[in-house]
Amino acid sequence: MTELLSFIDAVRPGLGAFLLLVGSLLAIIGTVGVLRFPDFYTRLHAASVTDTAAVTLAVIGMGLLAPSWVVMAKLVAIWLFIFLTGPTASHAIANAAHTAGLEPLIGRQGRGEDEGDAS
């Protein structure tokens, strides 16, 4: 049993750092999606999904590196707040945009109006 606990203690910092790295890369990918996607709704989707996933991975990574259970409890409270408010805020923003009349871009992008299908 002591070998298992020593193995877990040896792996925890590396796994925590890896999860923090993956979370930060996911946040960067979400930022690129916000800059590259063509309309408001796809940009909002890229921001909200990657934001929630990146925070989840980062909080798990920080939890593995946490020195005490008190810090872990605070991280769980922060994660729960972001996990509940992030998607709710994104939904409220999308609903407000739809109510205001903002239409999503539908169809193939990058084609001119005079170009038809080749078939």
N, C-alpha and C. Protein backbone atom coordinates (compact mmCIF):
# COMPACT_ATOMS: atom_id res chain seq x y z
N MET A 1 0.82 -1.20 0.00
CA MET A 1 0.00 0.00 0.00
C MET A 1 0.86 1.26 0.00
N THR A 2 1.97 1.21 0.70
CA THR A 2 2.84 2.39 0.73
C THR A 2 3.48 2.64 -0.63
N GLU A 3 3.71 1.55 -1.39
CA GLU A 3 4.28 1.74 -2.73
C GLU A 3 3.29 2.46 -3.64
N LEU A 4 2.02 2.12 -3.50
CA LEU A 4 0.99 2.78 -4.30
C LEU A 4 0.87 4.25 -3.95
N LEU A 5 0.90 4.57 -2.66
CA LEU A 5 0.83 5.97 -2.24
C LEU A 5 2.05 6.76 -2.69
N SER A 6 3.21 6.15 -2.64
CA SER A 6 4.42 6.85 -3.11
C SER A 6 4.39 7.03 -4.63
N PHE A 7 3.82 6.05 -5.34
CA PHE A 7 3.68 6.20 -6.79
C PHE A 7 2.71 7.34 -7.13
N ILE A 8 1.60 7.40 -6.42
CA ILE A 8 0.62 8.48 -6.65
C ILE A 8 1.24 9.84 -6.34
N ASP A 9 1.99 9.92 -5.25
CA ASP A 9 2.65 11.18 -4.92
C ASP A 9 3.71 11.57 -5.94
N ALA A 10 4.32 10.58 -6.58
CA ALA A 10 5.33 10.87 -7.60
C ALA A 10 4.69 11.31 -8.91
N VAL A 11 3.51 10.78 -9.24
CA VAL A 11 2.86 11.06 -10.52
C VAL A 11 2.03 12.34 -10.47
N ARG A 12 1.52 12.70 -9.30
CA ARG A 12 0.62 13.85 -9.18
C ARG A 12 1.15 15.15 -9.77
N PRO A 13 2.38 15.59 -9.46
CA PRO A 13 2.84 16.86 -10.04
C PRO A 13 2.93 16.85 -11.56
N GLY A 14 3.39 15.76 -12.13
CA GLY A 14 3.49 15.67 -13.59
C GLY A 14 2.13 15.67 -14.26
N LEU A 15 1.19 14.91 -13.69
CA LEU A 15 -0.15 14.88 -14.24
C LEU A 15 -0.85 16.22 -14.09
N GLY A 16 -0.65 16.88 -12.94
CA GLY A 16 -1.23 18.20 -12.74
C GLY A 16 -0.69 19.22 -13.73
N ALA A 17 0.61 19.19 -13.96
CA ALA A 17 1.21 20.11 -14.93
C ALA A 17 0.72 19.82 -16.34
N PHE A 18 0.57 18.53 -16.67
CA PHE A 18 0.07 18.15 -17.99
C PHE A 18 -1.36 18.66 -18.20
N LEU A 19 -2.21 18.50 -17.20
CA LEU A 19 -3.59 18.97 -17.32
C LEU A 19 -3.66 20.49 -17.42
N LEU A 20 -2.80 21.19 -16.70
CA LEU A 20 -2.75 22.65 -16.84
C LEU A 20 -2.31 23.06 -18.25
N LEU A 21 -1.34 22.33 -18.79
CA LEU A 21 -0.88 22.63 -20.15
C LEU A 21 -1.98 22.37 -21.17
N VAL A 22 -2.68 21.24 -21.05
CA VAL A 22 -3.77 20.92 -21.98
C VAL A 22 -4.90 21.95 -21.85
N GLY A 23 -5.22 22.35 -20.63
CA GLY A 23 -6.25 23.37 -20.42
C GLY A 23 -5.88 24.70 -21.05
N SER A 24 -4.62 25.09 -20.92
CA SER A 24 -4.20 26.36 -21.52
C SER A 24 -4.18 26.27 -23.04
N LEU A 25 -3.78 25.12 -23.59
CA LEU A 25 -3.82 24.95 -25.04
C LEU A 25 -5.26 24.98 -25.56
N LEU A 26 -6.18 24.40 -24.81
CA LEU A 26 -7.58 24.44 -25.20
C LEU A 26 -8.12 25.86 -25.17
N ALA A 27 -7.69 26.65 -24.21
CA ALA A 27 -8.10 28.06 -24.17
C ALA A 27 -7.56 28.82 -25.38
N ILE A 28 -6.35 28.52 -25.78
CA ILE A 28 -5.77 29.16 -26.96
C ILE A 28 -6.52 28.74 -28.22
N ILE A 29 -6.89 27.46 -28.31
CA ILE A 29 -7.67 26.99 -29.46
C ILE A 29 -9.02 27.69 -29.51
N GLY A 30 -9.64 27.89 -28.36
CA GLY A 30 -10.90 28.63 -28.33
C GLY A 30 -10.74 30.07 -28.78
N THR A 31 -9.62 30.68 -28.42
CA THR A 31 -9.35 32.04 -28.87
C THR A 31 -9.19 32.11 -30.38
N VAL A 32 -8.48 31.15 -30.93
CA VAL A 32 -8.32 31.09 -32.38
C VAL A 32 -9.69 30.89 -33.05
N GLY A 33 -10.54 30.06 -32.45
CA GLY A 33 -11.89 29.87 -32.98
C GLY A 33 -12.70 31.13 -32.97
N VAL A 34 -12.57 31.91 -31.91
CA VAL A 34 -13.29 33.19 -31.84
C VAL A 34 -12.81 34.13 -32.94
N LEU A 35 -11.54 34.10 -33.23
CA LEU A 35 -11.00 34.99 -34.27
C LEU A 35 -11.30 34.50 -35.68
N ARG A 36 -11.44 33.20 -35.88
CA ARG A 36 -11.56 32.65 -37.22
C ARG A 36 -12.98 32.35 -37.69
N PHE A 37 -13.90 32.06 -36.76
CA PHE A 37 -15.24 31.66 -37.18
C PHE A 37 -16.00 32.84 -37.78
N PRO A 38 -16.94 32.55 -38.69
CA PRO A 38 -17.52 33.62 -39.51
C PRO A 38 -18.62 34.45 -38.85
N ASP A 39 -19.38 33.90 -37.92
CA ASP A 39 -20.50 34.69 -37.40
C ASP A 39 -20.54 34.63 -35.88
N PHE A 40 -21.45 35.39 -35.34
CA PHE A 40 -21.56 35.57 -33.89
C PHE A 40 -21.83 34.25 -33.17
N TYR A 41 -22.73 33.44 -33.68
CA TYR A 41 -23.13 32.23 -32.98
C TYR A 41 -22.02 31.19 -32.93
N THR A 42 -21.28 31.02 -34.01
CA THR A 42 -20.18 30.07 -33.98
C THR A 42 -19.04 30.57 -33.10
N ARG A 43 -18.82 31.88 -33.09
CA ARG A 43 -17.80 32.44 -32.20
C ARG A 43 -18.19 32.26 -30.73
N LEU A 44 -19.46 32.48 -30.44
CA LEU A 44 -19.93 32.30 -29.08
C LEU A 44 -19.82 30.84 -28.65
N HIS A 45 -20.12 29.94 -29.55
CA HIS A 45 -20.01 28.51 -29.26
C HIS A 45 -18.56 28.13 -28.98
N ALA A 46 -17.65 28.61 -29.82
CA ALA A 46 -16.23 28.31 -29.62
C ALA A 46 -15.74 28.84 -28.28
N ALA A 47 -16.17 30.03 -27.93
CA ALA A 47 -15.73 30.62 -26.66
C ALA A 47 -16.31 29.88 -25.46
N SER A 48 -17.57 29.55 -25.52
CA SER A 48 -18.21 28.97 -24.34
C SER A 48 -17.78 27.53 -24.09
N VAL A 49 -17.71 26.73 -25.13
CA VAL A 49 -17.36 25.32 -24.95
C VAL A 49 -15.91 25.17 -24.52
N THR A 50 -15.01 25.84 -25.21
CA THR A 50 -13.60 25.70 -24.86
C THR A 50 -13.28 26.35 -23.53
N ASP A 51 -13.99 27.42 -23.18
CA ASP A 51 -13.77 28.07 -21.91
C ASP A 51 -14.12 27.13 -20.75
N THR A 52 -15.27 26.50 -20.83
CA THR A 52 -15.68 25.59 -19.76
C THR A 52 -14.76 24.38 -19.68
N ALA A 53 -14.40 23.82 -20.81
CA ALA A 53 -13.51 22.65 -20.81
C ALA A 53 -12.11 23.02 -20.33
N ALA A 54 -11.60 24.17 -20.74
CA ALA A 54 -10.27 24.60 -20.32
C ALA A 54 -10.22 24.85 -18.82
N VAL A 55 -11.25 25.48 -18.29
CA VAL A 55 -11.29 25.73 -16.84
C VAL A 55 -11.39 24.41 -16.09
N THR A 56 -12.17 23.46 -16.60
CA THR A 56 -12.28 22.17 -15.94
C THR A 56 -10.93 21.46 -15.87
N LEU A 57 -10.23 21.42 -16.99
CA LEU A 57 -8.91 20.77 -17.00
C LEU A 57 -7.92 21.51 -16.10
N ALA A 58 -7.94 22.84 -16.13
CA ALA A 58 -7.02 23.61 -15.31
C ALA A 58 -7.31 23.43 -13.82
N VAL A 59 -8.57 23.40 -13.45
CA VAL A 59 -8.91 23.22 -12.04
C VAL A 59 -8.53 21.82 -11.56
N ILE A 60 -8.73 20.81 -12.40
CA ILE A 60 -8.30 19.46 -12.01
C ILE A 60 -6.78 19.43 -11.85
N GLY A 61 -6.06 20.07 -12.77
CA GLY A 61 -4.60 20.13 -12.67
C GLY A 61 -4.15 20.87 -11.41
N MET A 62 -4.80 21.99 -11.11
CA MET A 62 -4.46 22.71 -9.89
C MET A 62 -4.84 21.92 -8.65
N GLY A 63 -5.93 21.16 -8.74
CA GLY A 63 -6.32 20.32 -7.61
C GLY A 63 -5.29 19.24 -7.32
N LEU A 64 -4.68 18.70 -8.37
CA LEU A 64 -3.63 17.71 -8.17
C LEU A 64 -2.38 18.33 -7.55
N LEU A 65 -2.18 19.61 -7.78
CA LEU A 65 -1.02 20.30 -7.21
C LEU A 65 -1.34 21.00 -5.90
N ALA A 66 -2.57 20.95 -5.45
CA ALA A 66 -2.99 21.67 -4.25
C ALA A 66 -2.29 21.11 -3.01
N PRO A 67 -1.85 21.99 -2.12
CA PRO A 67 -1.15 21.52 -0.92
C PRO A 67 -2.07 21.01 0.19
N SER A 68 -3.35 21.40 0.15
CA SER A 68 -4.25 20.97 1.23
C SER A 68 -5.66 20.80 0.70
N TRP A 69 -6.52 20.21 1.55
CA TRP A 69 -7.91 20.01 1.18
C TRP A 69 -8.69 21.31 1.17
N VAL A 70 -8.24 22.30 1.91
CA VAL A 70 -8.91 23.60 1.91
C VAL A 70 -8.78 24.26 0.54
N VAL A 71 -7.59 24.19 -0.02
CA VAL A 71 -7.37 24.73 -1.36
C VAL A 71 -8.20 23.96 -2.37
N MET A 72 -8.26 22.66 -2.22
CA MET A 72 -9.06 21.83 -3.12
C MET A 72 -10.54 22.20 -3.04
N ALA A 73 -11.04 22.46 -1.84
CA ALA A 73 -12.45 22.85 -1.69
C ALA A 73 -12.71 24.20 -2.37
N LYS A 74 -11.78 25.12 -2.26
CA LYS A 74 -11.93 26.41 -2.94
C LYS A 74 -11.92 26.25 -4.45
N LEU A 75 -11.06 25.38 -4.95
CA LEU A 75 -11.02 25.12 -6.39
C LEU A 75 -12.32 24.50 -6.88
N VAL A 76 -12.88 23.60 -6.11
CA VAL A 76 -14.16 22.99 -6.48
C VAL A 76 -15.25 24.05 -6.51
N ALA A 77 -15.25 24.96 -5.54
CA ALA A 77 -16.25 26.04 -5.52
C ALA A 77 -16.10 26.95 -6.74
N ILE A 78 -14.87 27.28 -7.09
CA ILE A 78 -14.62 28.11 -8.28
C ILE A 78 -15.08 27.39 -9.54
N TRP A 79 -14.73 26.10 -9.64
CA TRP A 79 -15.13 25.33 -10.82
C TRP A 79 -16.64 25.24 -10.93
N LEU A 80 -17.31 24.99 -9.82
CA LEU A 80 -18.77 24.88 -9.84
C LEU A 80 -19.41 26.19 -10.29
N PHE A 81 -18.89 27.31 -9.80
CA PHE A 81 -19.41 28.61 -10.20
C PHE A 81 -19.25 28.83 -11.70
N ILE A 82 -18.06 28.57 -12.22
CA ILE A 82 -17.81 28.77 -13.65
C ILE A 82 -18.59 27.77 -14.49
N PHE A 83 -18.69 26.52 -14.02
CA PHE A 83 -19.40 25.49 -14.77
C PHE A 83 -20.89 25.81 -14.88
N LEU A 84 -21.45 26.45 -13.87
CA LEU A 84 -22.87 26.79 -13.91
C LEU A 84 -23.15 28.13 -14.61
N THR A 85 -22.29 29.11 -14.41
CA THR A 85 -22.57 30.44 -14.97
C THR A 85 -22.09 30.62 -16.41
N GLY A 86 -21.03 29.93 -16.82
CA GLY A 86 -20.52 30.09 -18.18
C GLY A 86 -21.52 29.70 -19.26
N PRO A 87 -22.01 28.48 -19.25
CA PRO A 87 -23.01 28.09 -20.25
C PRO A 87 -24.32 28.88 -20.13
N THR A 88 -24.70 29.23 -18.91
CA THR A 88 -25.92 30.02 -18.73
C THR A 88 -25.77 31.40 -19.35
N ALA A 89 -24.62 32.02 -19.14
CA ALA A 89 -24.38 33.34 -19.73
C ALA A 89 -24.32 33.25 -21.25
N SER A 90 -23.69 32.21 -21.78
CA SER A 90 -23.63 32.05 -23.23
C SER A 90 -25.02 31.87 -23.82
N HIS A 91 -25.85 31.09 -23.15
CA HIS A 91 -27.22 30.90 -23.62
C HIS A 91 -27.99 32.22 -23.58
N ALA A 92 -27.82 32.99 -22.52
CA ALA A 92 -28.51 34.27 -22.41
C ALA A 92 -28.06 35.24 -23.50
N ILE A 93 -26.78 35.25 -23.80
CA ILE A 93 -26.26 36.13 -24.85
C ILE A 93 -26.79 35.70 -26.21
N ALA A 94 -26.78 34.39 -26.49
CA ALA A 94 -27.30 33.91 -27.77
C ALA A 94 -28.79 34.17 -27.89
N ASN A 95 -29.52 34.01 -26.81
CA ASN A 95 -30.96 34.29 -26.83
C ASN A 95 -31.22 35.77 -27.08
N ALA A 96 -30.43 36.63 -26.46
CA ALA A 96 -30.60 38.07 -26.68
C ALA A 96 -30.28 38.45 -28.12
N ALA A 97 -29.25 37.83 -28.68
CA ALA A 97 -28.90 38.12 -30.07
C ALA A 97 -29.99 37.64 -31.01
N HIS A 98 -30.54 36.47 -30.74
CA HIS A 98 -31.62 35.94 -31.59
C HIS A 98 -32.87 36.80 -31.46
N THR A 99 -33.19 37.23 -30.25
CA THR A 99 -34.35 38.09 -30.03
C THR A 99 -34.18 39.45 -30.72
N ALA A 100 -32.94 39.93 -30.76
CA ALA A 100 -32.67 41.21 -31.43
C ALA A 100 -32.68 41.09 -32.94
N GLY A 101 -32.77 39.86 -33.47
CA GLY A 101 -32.88 39.67 -34.90
C GLY A 101 -31.58 39.31 -35.61
N LEU A 102 -30.55 38.98 -34.87
CA LEU A 102 -29.28 38.60 -35.50
C LEU A 102 -29.41 37.19 -36.07
N GLU A 103 -29.27 37.07 -37.37
CA GLU A 103 -29.43 35.79 -38.07
C GLU A 103 -28.08 35.09 -38.20
N PRO A 104 -28.06 33.77 -38.03
CA PRO A 104 -26.81 33.04 -38.25
C PRO A 104 -26.52 32.90 -39.74
N LEU A 105 -25.25 32.75 -40.07
CA LEU A 105 -24.88 32.49 -41.45
C LEU A 105 -25.16 31.02 -41.74
N ILE A 106 -25.93 30.77 -42.78
CA ILE A 106 -26.31 29.40 -43.13
C ILE A 106 -25.86 29.13 -44.55
N GLY A 107 -25.36 27.95 -44.80
CA GLY A 107 -24.93 27.57 -46.14
C GLY A 107 -23.42 27.55 -46.24
N ARG A 108 -22.95 27.37 -47.45
CA ARG A 108 -21.52 27.29 -47.68
C ARG A 108 -20.92 28.69 -47.65
N GLN A 109 -19.79 28.81 -47.00
CA GLN A 109 -19.11 30.09 -46.88
C GLN A 109 -18.01 30.19 -47.94
N GLY A 110 -17.70 31.39 -48.32
CA GLY A 110 -16.59 31.61 -49.25
C GLY A 110 -16.99 31.49 -50.70
N ARG A 111 -18.27 31.43 -51.01
CA ARG A 111 -18.72 31.34 -52.40
C ARG A 111 -19.49 32.61 -52.73
N GLY A 112 -19.33 33.07 -53.91
CA GLY A 112 -20.05 34.26 -54.35
C GLY A 112 -21.51 33.95 -54.65
N GLU A 113 -22.29 34.99 -54.77
CA GLU A 113 -23.73 34.82 -55.05
C GLU A 113 -23.97 34.25 -56.44
N ASP A 114 -23.11 34.60 -57.42
CA ASP A 114 -23.34 34.17 -58.79
C ASP A 114 -22.84 32.76 -59.06
N GLU A 115 -22.09 32.18 -58.13
CA GLU A 115 -21.56 30.82 -58.32
C GLU A 115 -22.64 29.82 -57.88
N GLY A 116 -22.96 28.93 -58.74
CA GLY A 116 -23.94 27.89 -58.41
C GLY A 116 -23.23 26.59 -58.09
N ASP A 117 -24.00 25.59 -57.76
CA ASP A 117 -23.44 24.27 -57.54
C ASP A 117 -22.99 23.70 -58.88
N ALA A 118 -21.93 22.94 -58.85
CA ALA A 118 -21.39 22.36 -60.08
C ALA A 118 -22.23 21.20 -60.57
N SER A 119 -23.12 20.68 -59.75
CA SER A 119 -23.89 19.51 -60.15
C SER A 119 -25.11 19.85 -60.95
